[in-house]
Each structure stands twice: as structure tokens, then as C-alpha cells.
């Protein structure tokens, strides 16, 4: 322990002084903030003004193959129409480092991807595959793997405790 203190440039008496100061600071803080409370009305008001923080966007499981050229995208689309394995083709051709190794699989939330990709990914029927879609990243072939999971709003009852903690900490430090 003492060697560790020396390694930090401290001696035992200096460490004890710093520890005592920290303990006193904590006790003073606890005494000063003892009467601070948060009402249910304040929690409800916070929730109502920050509802977007407690909303999850619509999401969907998809897989895609991203390539640089339309001609390669067309070739891959033809292979898929002729029974090609989407996952194998994604591993072989996709230039998306985040999903290629997983056979192109990813879960997206509405608005998370670039607009052309988002529009197609959320309009496809489940298990349907899109023709090549052009974005700023290149050419995508998208397949919808699941139904669209709708956006959800967490109820106040589910987030009340966390809001109380946040408001309490804010009140104590201001």
C-alpha cells in the first residue's frame, strides 16, 4: 500500500489528510442536500417535456449487400433470383465491414440509415429482396428479414425512478 502511495508521489500522512477531506466533503454535501426532494408533479412534467427520450423508433432486421457499381449489383441480383445464397454473396462481395461477415445482417431503426436505404428497407414485405438501391455509399441489395417493429413509448411508470434520480442529482448539484 505504502509503495503504491509512493508511486503516486504521496506519503501516508498526506493520503490520510486527503481521505479525511473527502469524507468531510461528503458529509457536508449530504447535510446540505438532505432536504432536497423531487415531487411526482416534477417527474411528470419532466417526462412530458422529454417524451422523445423515452421513445424507441420503428426497427427491422434486414440484410444487405453493398457494392461500388451498378453492374456488380445487377449481377448479384441475378444470382439471387436464380437461387443464390444471400449470406454467402454478402460475405463474398459486400464492402460493408459491419455486416458482411454476418451475411449482411443488421438491425436498423427508422431514420438511422441514409434516406434511400431507409425508404426501401421499411417498405419491403418480409422476406422480399429489393432491386439495387443507390445511396452515397454505393449500390445496395436489401432483404427484409423481419416485420417492422413499431415505435414504442415507454410509460412513465417504467422510467419514473430514473427520472427521479436524474432530477434529484440535478437539484443537489445546482
N, C-alpha and C. Protein backbone atom coordinates (compact mmCIF):
# COMPACT_ATOMS: atom_id res chain seq x y z
N UNK A 1 0.84 -1.19 0.00
CA UNK A 1 0.00 0.00 0.00
C UNK A 1 0.88 1.25 0.00
N UNK A 2 1.87 1.25 0.92
CA UNK A 2 2.74 2.42 1.00
C UNK A 2 3.57 2.58 -0.27
N UNK A 3 3.96 1.46 -0.88
CA UNK A 3 4.70 1.53 -2.14
C UNK A 3 3.81 2.15 -3.23
N UNK A 4 2.53 1.78 -3.23
CA UNK A 4 1.59 2.36 -4.18
C UNK A 4 1.44 3.85 -3.97
N UNK A 5 1.38 4.27 -2.72
CA UNK A 5 1.30 5.70 -2.42
C UNK A 5 2.54 6.44 -2.92
N UNK A 6 3.70 5.86 -2.63
CA UNK A 6 4.95 6.48 -3.08
C UNK A 6 4.99 6.59 -4.60
N UNK A 7 4.45 5.57 -5.27
CA UNK A 7 4.41 5.59 -6.73
C UNK A 7 3.57 6.74 -7.26
N UNK A 8 2.64 7.22 -6.44
CA UNK A 8 1.79 8.36 -6.83
C UNK A 8 2.31 9.67 -6.25
N UNK A 9 3.46 9.58 -5.59
CA UNK A 9 4.05 10.78 -5.02
C UNK A 9 3.38 11.20 -3.72
N UNK A 10 2.77 10.26 -3.00
CA UNK A 10 2.08 10.56 -1.75
C UNK A 10 2.76 9.86 -0.58
N UNK A 11 2.58 10.46 0.58
CA UNK A 11 3.01 9.80 1.81
C UNK A 11 1.74 9.42 2.56
N UNK A 12 1.87 8.58 3.57
CA UNK A 12 0.70 8.15 4.34
C UNK A 12 0.01 9.34 5.02
N UNK A 13 0.73 10.28 5.64
CA UNK A 13 0.05 11.43 6.25
C UNK A 13 -0.72 12.29 5.22
N UNK A 14 -0.13 12.47 4.04
CA UNK A 14 -0.83 13.26 3.01
C UNK A 14 -2.07 12.52 2.54
N UNK A 15 -1.97 11.20 2.35
CA UNK A 15 -3.12 10.39 1.94
C UNK A 15 -4.23 10.48 2.98
N UNK A 16 -3.86 10.39 4.26
CA UNK A 16 -4.86 10.48 5.33
C UNK A 16 -5.55 11.83 5.33
N UNK A 17 -4.79 12.89 5.08
CA UNK A 17 -5.40 14.23 5.01
C UNK A 17 -6.38 14.32 3.84
N UNK A 18 -5.99 13.80 2.68
CA UNK A 18 -6.88 13.85 1.51
C UNK A 18 -8.14 13.01 1.76
N UNK A 19 -7.97 11.85 2.37
CA UNK A 19 -9.11 10.97 2.66
C UNK A 19 -10.06 11.65 3.64
N UNK A 20 -9.50 12.28 4.68
CA UNK A 20 -10.31 13.00 5.67
C UNK A 20 -11.08 14.14 4.99
N UNK A 21 -10.40 14.88 4.12
CA UNK A 21 -11.06 15.99 3.41
C UNK A 21 -12.21 15.46 2.55
N UNK A 22 -12.00 14.33 1.92
CA UNK A 22 -13.05 13.73 1.08
C UNK A 22 -14.24 13.30 1.94
N UNK A 23 -13.97 12.67 3.07
CA UNK A 23 -15.05 12.26 3.97
C UNK A 23 -15.83 13.46 4.49
N UNK A 24 -15.11 14.52 4.88
CA UNK A 24 -15.79 15.73 5.35
C UNK A 24 -16.63 16.36 4.24
N UNK A 25 -16.08 16.40 3.06
CA UNK A 25 -16.81 16.95 1.92
C UNK A 25 -18.10 16.17 1.67
N UNK A 26 -18.01 14.85 1.72
CA UNK A 26 -19.19 14.01 1.52
C UNK A 26 -20.24 14.26 2.60
N UNK A 27 -19.80 14.39 3.85
CA UNK A 27 -20.75 14.64 4.96
C UNK A 27 -21.41 16.01 4.81
N UNK A 28 -20.63 17.01 4.44
CA UNK A 28 -21.19 18.36 4.25
C UNK A 28 -22.21 18.34 3.11
N UNK A 29 -21.84 17.69 2.00
CA UNK A 29 -22.75 17.58 0.85
C UNK A 29 -24.05 16.90 1.28
N UNK A 30 -23.96 15.80 2.01
CA UNK A 30 -25.15 15.07 2.46
C UNK A 30 -26.01 15.96 3.36
N UNK A 31 -25.39 16.74 4.25
CA UNK A 31 -26.15 17.59 5.16
C UNK A 31 -26.82 18.74 4.41
N UNK A 32 -26.09 19.36 3.51
CA UNK A 32 -26.62 20.50 2.75
C UNK A 32 -27.77 20.07 1.84
N UNK A 33 -27.67 18.87 1.27
CA UNK A 33 -28.68 18.42 0.30
C UNK A 33 -29.74 17.51 0.93
N UNK A 34 -29.73 17.38 2.25
CA UNK A 34 -30.64 16.47 2.93
C UNK A 34 -32.12 16.76 2.62
N UNK A 35 -32.50 17.99 2.55
CA UNK A 35 -33.90 18.35 2.35
C UNK A 35 -34.33 18.41 0.89
N UNK A 36 -33.43 18.15 -0.02
CA UNK A 36 -33.76 18.24 -1.45
C UNK A 36 -34.64 17.05 -1.83
N UNK A 37 -35.76 17.35 -2.49
CA UNK A 37 -36.68 16.29 -2.89
C UNK A 37 -37.24 16.60 -4.27
N UNK A 38 -37.79 15.58 -4.88
CA UNK A 38 -38.42 15.71 -6.19
C UNK A 38 -39.86 15.23 -6.05
N UNK A 39 -40.80 16.04 -6.52
CA UNK A 39 -42.21 15.67 -6.42
C UNK A 39 -42.65 14.87 -7.64
N UNK A 40 -43.77 14.17 -7.48
CA UNK A 40 -44.33 13.42 -8.62
C UNK A 40 -44.69 14.37 -9.76
N UNK A 41 -45.15 15.57 -9.42
CA UNK A 41 -45.51 16.55 -10.44
C UNK A 41 -44.28 16.96 -11.25
N UNK A 42 -43.14 17.10 -10.60
CA UNK A 42 -41.90 17.45 -11.31
C UNK A 42 -41.45 16.31 -12.22
N UNK A 43 -41.62 15.09 -11.75
CA UNK A 43 -41.26 13.93 -12.56
C UNK A 43 -42.15 13.88 -13.79
N UNK A 44 -43.45 14.06 -13.60
CA UNK A 44 -44.40 14.03 -14.72
C UNK A 44 -44.11 15.15 -15.72
N UNK A 45 -43.82 16.34 -15.21
CA UNK A 45 -43.52 17.47 -16.10
C UNK A 45 -42.26 17.18 -16.92
N UNK A 46 -41.24 16.63 -16.28
CA UNK A 46 -40.00 16.28 -16.99
C UNK A 46 -40.28 15.24 -18.06
N UNK A 47 -41.03 14.22 -17.70
CA UNK A 47 -41.38 13.16 -18.66
C UNK A 47 -42.11 13.74 -19.87
N UNK A 48 -43.09 14.60 -19.62
CA UNK A 48 -43.88 15.18 -20.70
C UNK A 48 -43.06 16.07 -21.62
N UNK A 49 -42.05 16.75 -21.09
CA UNK A 49 -41.23 17.61 -21.95
C UNK A 49 -40.08 16.86 -22.61
N UNK A 50 -39.80 15.63 -22.17
CA UNK A 50 -38.71 14.84 -22.74
C UNK A 50 -39.20 13.50 -23.29
N UNK A 51 -40.45 13.46 -23.74
CA UNK A 51 -41.03 12.19 -24.21
C UNK A 51 -40.20 11.53 -25.31
N UNK A 52 -39.60 12.32 -26.17
CA UNK A 52 -38.82 11.74 -27.26
C UNK A 52 -37.64 10.92 -26.74
N UNK A 53 -37.17 11.24 -25.55
CA UNK A 53 -36.07 10.48 -24.95
C UNK A 53 -36.53 9.08 -24.51
N UNK A 54 -37.81 8.90 -24.38
CA UNK A 54 -38.35 7.64 -23.90
C UNK A 54 -39.14 6.91 -24.99
N UNK A 55 -38.77 7.20 -26.23
CA UNK A 55 -39.41 6.58 -27.38
C UNK A 55 -38.37 5.77 -28.14
N UNK A 56 -38.76 4.58 -28.55
CA UNK A 56 -37.89 3.82 -29.45
C UNK A 56 -38.50 3.89 -30.83
N UNK A 57 -37.69 4.08 -31.83
CA UNK A 57 -38.16 4.20 -33.20
C UNK A 57 -38.51 2.82 -33.76
N UNK A 58 -39.27 2.84 -34.83
CA UNK A 58 -39.58 1.59 -35.53
C UNK A 58 -38.27 0.95 -35.96
N UNK A 59 -38.22 -0.37 -35.94
CA UNK A 59 -36.98 -1.06 -36.32
C UNK A 59 -37.29 -2.31 -37.12
N UNK A 60 -36.24 -2.84 -37.72
CA UNK A 60 -36.42 -4.02 -38.57
C UNK A 60 -35.08 -4.72 -38.75
N UNK A 61 -35.14 -6.05 -38.84
CA UNK A 61 -33.95 -6.84 -39.17
C UNK A 61 -33.90 -6.96 -40.68
N UNK A 62 -32.75 -6.63 -41.23
CA UNK A 62 -32.54 -6.73 -42.68
C UNK A 62 -31.17 -7.34 -42.92
N UNK A 63 -30.90 -7.61 -44.15
CA UNK A 63 -29.53 -7.88 -44.56
C UNK A 63 -29.34 -7.19 -45.89
N UNK A 64 -28.10 -6.83 -46.17
CA UNK A 64 -27.83 -6.11 -47.41
C UNK A 64 -26.44 -6.45 -47.92
N UNK A 65 -26.30 -6.20 -49.18
CA UNK A 65 -25.01 -6.34 -49.85
C UNK A 65 -24.71 -4.97 -50.44
N UNK A 66 -23.55 -4.43 -50.12
CA UNK A 66 -23.14 -3.12 -50.59
C UNK A 66 -21.95 -3.28 -51.52
N UNK A 67 -22.11 -2.77 -52.75
CA UNK A 67 -21.02 -2.83 -53.73
C UNK A 67 -20.85 -1.45 -54.36
N UNK A 68 -19.74 -1.28 -55.08
CA UNK A 68 -19.43 0.02 -55.67
C UNK A 68 -20.13 0.31 -56.97
N UNK A 69 -20.48 -0.73 -57.75
CA UNK A 69 -21.00 -0.45 -59.09
C UNK A 69 -22.39 -1.06 -59.31
N UNK A 70 -23.14 -0.40 -60.18
CA UNK A 70 -24.47 -0.88 -60.55
C UNK A 70 -24.36 -2.21 -61.28
N UNK A 71 -23.36 -2.37 -62.11
CA UNK A 71 -23.23 -3.62 -62.87
C UNK A 71 -23.01 -4.81 -61.94
N UNK A 72 -22.19 -4.65 -60.91
CA UNK A 72 -21.98 -5.73 -59.96
C UNK A 72 -23.26 -5.98 -59.16
N UNK A 73 -23.95 -4.92 -58.79
CA UNK A 73 -25.22 -5.08 -58.06
C UNK A 73 -26.23 -5.84 -58.92
N UNK A 74 -26.29 -5.52 -60.20
CA UNK A 74 -27.20 -6.24 -61.11
C UNK A 74 -26.82 -7.72 -61.22
N UNK A 75 -25.53 -7.99 -61.29
CA UNK A 75 -25.06 -9.38 -61.37
C UNK A 75 -25.46 -10.16 -60.12
N UNK A 76 -25.27 -9.53 -58.95
CA UNK A 76 -25.63 -10.19 -57.69
C UNK A 76 -27.14 -10.39 -57.61
N UNK A 77 -27.90 -9.39 -58.06
CA UNK A 77 -29.36 -9.52 -58.05
C UNK A 77 -29.79 -10.72 -58.91
N UNK A 78 -29.17 -10.88 -60.06
CA UNK A 78 -29.48 -12.03 -60.94
C UNK A 78 -29.15 -13.34 -60.24
N UNK A 79 -27.99 -13.39 -59.58
CA UNK A 79 -27.62 -14.60 -58.85
C UNK A 79 -28.64 -14.92 -57.75
N UNK A 80 -29.12 -13.89 -57.06
CA UNK A 80 -30.12 -14.10 -56.01
C UNK A 80 -31.43 -14.62 -56.60
N UNK A 81 -31.83 -14.05 -57.73
CA UNK A 81 -33.07 -14.50 -58.39
C UNK A 81 -32.96 -15.95 -58.86
N UNK A 82 -31.74 -16.37 -59.13
CA UNK A 82 -31.51 -17.75 -59.59
C UNK A 82 -31.17 -18.70 -58.43
N UNK A 83 -31.52 -18.29 -57.22
CA UNK A 83 -31.33 -19.17 -56.07
C UNK A 83 -30.04 -18.98 -55.30
N UNK A 84 -29.30 -17.93 -55.59
CA UNK A 84 -28.04 -17.68 -54.87
C UNK A 84 -28.28 -17.46 -53.39
N UNK A 85 -27.30 -17.83 -52.58
CA UNK A 85 -27.38 -17.68 -51.13
C UNK A 85 -26.98 -16.27 -50.74
N UNK A 86 -27.94 -15.51 -50.17
CA UNK A 86 -27.72 -14.11 -49.84
C UNK A 86 -26.53 -13.95 -48.91
N UNK A 87 -26.48 -14.77 -47.86
CA UNK A 87 -25.40 -14.65 -46.87
C UNK A 87 -24.03 -14.88 -47.50
N UNK A 88 -23.94 -15.90 -48.34
CA UNK A 88 -22.65 -16.19 -48.99
C UNK A 88 -22.24 -15.05 -49.93
N UNK A 89 -23.20 -14.53 -50.66
CA UNK A 89 -22.90 -13.43 -51.57
C UNK A 89 -22.49 -12.17 -50.81
N UNK A 90 -23.14 -11.94 -49.66
CA UNK A 90 -22.78 -10.77 -48.84
C UNK A 90 -21.36 -10.92 -48.32
N UNK A 91 -21.02 -12.11 -47.85
CA UNK A 91 -19.66 -12.34 -47.34
C UNK A 91 -18.62 -12.16 -48.45
N UNK A 92 -18.98 -12.58 -49.65
CA UNK A 92 -18.04 -12.52 -50.76
C UNK A 92 -17.89 -11.11 -51.34
N UNK A 93 -19.01 -10.39 -51.51
CA UNK A 93 -18.98 -9.13 -52.25
C UNK A 93 -19.17 -7.84 -51.44
N UNK A 94 -19.89 -7.91 -50.33
CA UNK A 94 -20.26 -6.67 -49.65
C UNK A 94 -19.04 -5.94 -49.09
N UNK A 95 -19.05 -4.64 -49.30
CA UNK A 95 -17.96 -3.81 -48.79
C UNK A 95 -18.35 -3.13 -47.47
N UNK A 96 -19.46 -3.56 -46.87
CA UNK A 96 -19.87 -3.04 -45.56
C UNK A 96 -19.17 -3.86 -44.48
N UNK A 97 -18.15 -3.28 -43.83
CA UNK A 97 -17.38 -4.05 -42.86
C UNK A 97 -18.19 -4.45 -41.63
N UNK A 98 -19.23 -3.70 -41.33
CA UNK A 98 -20.02 -4.00 -40.14
C UNK A 98 -20.95 -5.18 -40.29
N UNK A 99 -21.37 -5.50 -41.52
CA UNK A 99 -22.35 -6.57 -41.68
C UNK A 99 -21.91 -7.70 -42.61
N UNK A 100 -20.92 -7.49 -43.42
CA UNK A 100 -20.53 -8.51 -44.41
C UNK A 100 -20.22 -9.85 -43.76
N UNK A 101 -19.47 -9.84 -42.68
CA UNK A 101 -19.08 -11.09 -42.02
C UNK A 101 -20.28 -11.84 -41.44
N UNK A 102 -21.38 -11.13 -41.19
CA UNK A 102 -22.60 -11.75 -40.67
C UNK A 102 -23.59 -12.05 -41.79
N UNK A 103 -23.11 -12.15 -42.99
CA UNK A 103 -24.00 -12.42 -44.12
C UNK A 103 -24.87 -11.23 -44.47
N UNK A 104 -24.43 -10.04 -44.10
CA UNK A 104 -25.16 -8.82 -44.42
C UNK A 104 -26.20 -8.43 -43.39
N UNK A 105 -26.34 -9.20 -42.32
CA UNK A 105 -27.40 -8.94 -41.33
C UNK A 105 -27.11 -7.71 -40.48
N UNK A 106 -28.18 -6.94 -40.25
CA UNK A 106 -28.13 -5.83 -39.31
C UNK A 106 -29.54 -5.45 -38.90
N UNK A 107 -29.65 -4.83 -37.77
CA UNK A 107 -30.94 -4.31 -37.30
C UNK A 107 -30.86 -2.80 -37.43
N UNK A 108 -31.86 -2.23 -38.07
CA UNK A 108 -31.87 -0.78 -38.27
C UNK A 108 -33.10 -0.17 -37.61
N UNK A 109 -32.95 1.08 -37.22
CA UNK A 109 -34.06 1.87 -36.70
C UNK A 109 -34.42 2.89 -37.75
N UNK A 110 -35.69 3.24 -37.80
CA UNK A 110 -36.15 4.20 -38.79
C UNK A 110 -35.37 5.50 -38.64
N UNK A 111 -34.81 5.98 -39.75
CA UNK A 111 -34.05 7.22 -39.74
C UNK A 111 -32.57 7.03 -39.44
N UNK A 112 -32.16 5.83 -39.12
CA UNK A 112 -30.77 5.55 -38.78
C UNK A 112 -29.88 5.49 -40.02
N UNK A 113 -30.43 5.03 -41.12
CA UNK A 113 -29.66 4.87 -42.34
C UNK A 113 -29.98 6.01 -43.31
N UNK A 114 -29.20 6.10 -44.39
CA UNK A 114 -29.45 7.16 -45.38
C UNK A 114 -30.85 6.96 -45.98
N UNK A 115 -31.45 8.06 -46.40
CA UNK A 115 -32.86 8.08 -46.81
C UNK A 115 -33.25 7.02 -47.86
N UNK A 116 -32.50 6.86 -48.95
CA UNK A 116 -32.93 5.85 -49.94
C UNK A 116 -32.94 4.43 -49.36
N UNK A 117 -31.93 4.11 -48.54
CA UNK A 117 -31.86 2.79 -47.91
C UNK A 117 -33.02 2.62 -46.95
N UNK A 118 -33.25 3.63 -46.11
CA UNK A 118 -34.32 3.61 -45.11
C UNK A 118 -35.69 3.40 -45.77
N UNK A 119 -35.93 4.14 -46.84
CA UNK A 119 -37.23 4.06 -47.52
C UNK A 119 -37.49 2.64 -48.03
N UNK A 120 -36.51 2.06 -48.69
CA UNK A 120 -36.68 0.72 -49.24
C UNK A 120 -36.76 -0.32 -48.13
N UNK A 121 -35.86 -0.23 -47.16
CA UNK A 121 -35.80 -1.22 -46.08
C UNK A 121 -37.10 -1.29 -45.30
N UNK A 122 -37.77 -0.17 -45.11
CA UNK A 122 -39.01 -0.18 -44.33
C UNK A 122 -40.26 -0.36 -45.18
N UNK A 123 -40.11 -0.39 -46.50
CA UNK A 123 -41.28 -0.60 -47.36
C UNK A 123 -41.35 -2.03 -47.91
N UNK A 124 -40.26 -2.79 -47.83
CA UNK A 124 -40.26 -4.16 -48.34
C UNK A 124 -41.17 -5.06 -47.52
N UNK A 125 -41.78 -6.02 -48.19
CA UNK A 125 -42.51 -7.06 -47.47
C UNK A 125 -41.48 -7.98 -46.84
N UNK A 126 -41.84 -8.62 -45.74
CA UNK A 126 -40.94 -9.55 -45.07
C UNK A 126 -40.49 -10.64 -46.04
N UNK A 127 -39.20 -10.90 -46.04
CA UNK A 127 -38.51 -11.87 -46.90
C UNK A 127 -38.33 -11.42 -48.34
N UNK A 128 -38.84 -10.25 -48.68
CA UNK A 128 -38.66 -9.73 -50.05
C UNK A 128 -37.26 -9.14 -50.19
N UNK A 129 -36.77 -9.15 -51.42
CA UNK A 129 -35.44 -8.59 -51.73
C UNK A 129 -35.63 -7.45 -52.73
N UNK A 130 -34.92 -6.38 -52.51
CA UNK A 130 -35.04 -5.20 -53.37
C UNK A 130 -34.15 -5.33 -54.60
N UNK A 131 -34.50 -4.58 -55.64
CA UNK A 131 -33.52 -4.40 -56.72
C UNK A 131 -32.42 -3.49 -56.18
N UNK A 132 -31.34 -3.29 -56.91
CA UNK A 132 -30.27 -2.42 -56.43
C UNK A 132 -30.77 -1.01 -56.10
N UNK A 133 -30.31 -0.50 -54.96
CA UNK A 133 -30.69 0.82 -54.46
C UNK A 133 -29.42 1.65 -54.35
N UNK A 134 -29.44 2.83 -54.96
CA UNK A 134 -28.25 3.69 -54.94
C UNK A 134 -28.29 4.65 -53.76
N UNK A 135 -27.17 4.74 -53.03
CA UNK A 135 -27.00 5.72 -51.96
C UNK A 135 -25.62 6.34 -52.12
N UNK A 136 -25.29 7.23 -51.23
CA UNK A 136 -23.96 7.86 -51.27
C UNK A 136 -22.85 6.85 -51.00
N UNK A 137 -23.19 5.68 -50.45
CA UNK A 137 -22.19 4.66 -50.14
C UNK A 137 -21.95 3.69 -51.29
N UNK A 138 -22.86 3.65 -52.23
CA UNK A 138 -22.75 2.72 -53.35
C UNK A 138 -24.10 2.12 -53.69
N UNK A 139 -24.08 0.85 -54.10
CA UNK A 139 -25.30 0.16 -54.51
C UNK A 139 -25.61 -0.96 -53.50
N UNK A 140 -26.85 -0.95 -53.00
CA UNK A 140 -27.28 -1.93 -52.00
C UNK A 140 -28.33 -2.85 -52.61
N UNK A 141 -28.28 -4.09 -52.19
CA UNK A 141 -29.41 -5.00 -52.39
C UNK A 141 -29.86 -5.33 -50.97
N UNK A 142 -31.13 -5.09 -50.69
CA UNK A 142 -31.66 -5.19 -49.33
C UNK A 142 -32.69 -6.31 -49.26
N UNK A 143 -32.64 -7.08 -48.20
CA UNK A 143 -33.65 -8.11 -47.96
C UNK A 143 -34.22 -7.89 -46.56
N UNK A 144 -35.54 -7.85 -46.47
CA UNK A 144 -36.22 -7.69 -45.18
C UNK A 144 -36.33 -9.05 -44.50
N UNK A 145 -35.77 -9.18 -43.31
CA UNK A 145 -35.79 -10.46 -42.61
C UNK A 145 -36.92 -10.57 -41.59
N UNK A 146 -37.42 -9.44 -41.12
CA UNK A 146 -38.48 -9.47 -40.12
C UNK A 146 -39.54 -8.43 -40.47
N UNK A 147 -40.65 -8.53 -39.79
CA UNK A 147 -41.66 -7.50 -39.91
C UNK A 147 -41.12 -6.24 -39.24
N UNK A 148 -41.69 -5.11 -39.58
CA UNK A 148 -41.29 -3.86 -38.95
C UNK A 148 -41.83 -3.86 -37.52
N UNK A 149 -40.93 -3.63 -36.57
CA UNK A 149 -41.36 -3.49 -35.18
C UNK A 149 -41.74 -2.03 -34.98
N UNK A 150 -42.98 -1.76 -34.56
CA UNK A 150 -43.43 -0.37 -34.46
C UNK A 150 -42.70 0.41 -33.37
N UNK A 151 -42.73 1.72 -33.52
CA UNK A 151 -42.17 2.60 -32.50
C UNK A 151 -42.94 2.40 -31.20
N UNK A 152 -42.25 2.53 -30.08
CA UNK A 152 -42.92 2.38 -28.79
C UNK A 152 -42.57 3.54 -27.88
N UNK A 153 -43.48 3.83 -26.98
CA UNK A 153 -43.29 4.88 -25.98
C UNK A 153 -43.22 4.19 -24.62
N UNK A 154 -42.10 4.39 -23.90
CA UNK A 154 -42.01 3.82 -22.56
C UNK A 154 -42.98 4.57 -21.66
N UNK A 155 -43.78 3.86 -20.88
CA UNK A 155 -44.70 4.56 -19.98
C UNK A 155 -43.95 5.23 -18.83
N UNK A 156 -44.55 6.25 -18.28
CA UNK A 156 -43.95 6.97 -17.16
C UNK A 156 -43.60 6.01 -16.02
N UNK A 157 -44.45 5.04 -15.77
CA UNK A 157 -44.20 4.11 -14.66
C UNK A 157 -42.88 3.35 -14.83
N UNK A 158 -42.48 3.11 -16.07
CA UNK A 158 -41.25 2.36 -16.33
C UNK A 158 -39.99 3.21 -16.16
N UNK A 159 -40.12 4.52 -16.28
CA UNK A 159 -38.94 5.39 -16.23
C UNK A 159 -38.97 6.37 -15.05
N UNK A 160 -39.99 6.27 -14.23
CA UNK A 160 -40.16 7.21 -13.12
C UNK A 160 -38.94 7.23 -12.19
N UNK A 161 -38.45 6.07 -11.80
CA UNK A 161 -37.31 6.02 -10.86
C UNK A 161 -36.07 6.68 -11.45
N UNK A 162 -35.80 6.44 -12.72
CA UNK A 162 -34.61 7.03 -13.33
C UNK A 162 -34.76 8.54 -13.46
N UNK A 163 -35.98 9.02 -13.76
CA UNK A 163 -36.21 10.47 -13.83
C UNK A 163 -36.03 11.09 -12.44
N UNK A 164 -36.56 10.44 -11.41
CA UNK A 164 -36.41 10.95 -10.05
C UNK A 164 -34.92 11.08 -9.69
N UNK A 165 -34.14 10.07 -10.02
CA UNK A 165 -32.71 10.09 -9.73
C UNK A 165 -32.02 11.24 -10.47
N UNK A 166 -32.35 11.40 -11.75
CA UNK A 166 -31.76 12.47 -12.55
C UNK A 166 -32.11 13.84 -11.98
N UNK A 167 -33.39 14.04 -11.70
CA UNK A 167 -33.82 15.34 -11.17
C UNK A 167 -33.22 15.62 -9.78
N UNK A 168 -33.14 14.59 -8.97
CA UNK A 168 -32.57 14.74 -7.63
C UNK A 168 -31.09 15.14 -7.72
N UNK A 169 -30.34 14.46 -8.56
CA UNK A 169 -28.93 14.79 -8.73
C UNK A 169 -28.76 16.21 -9.26
N UNK A 170 -29.61 16.59 -10.21
CA UNK A 170 -29.53 17.94 -10.77
C UNK A 170 -29.82 18.98 -9.69
N UNK A 171 -30.86 18.75 -8.89
CA UNK A 171 -31.19 19.69 -7.84
C UNK A 171 -30.10 19.80 -6.79
N UNK A 172 -29.48 18.67 -6.48
CA UNK A 172 -28.43 18.66 -5.45
C UNK A 172 -27.17 19.37 -5.91
N UNK A 173 -26.92 19.38 -7.19
CA UNK A 173 -25.67 19.98 -7.67
C UNK A 173 -25.83 21.41 -8.18
N UNK A 174 -27.06 21.91 -8.19
CA UNK A 174 -27.25 23.30 -8.65
C UNK A 174 -27.65 24.21 -7.54
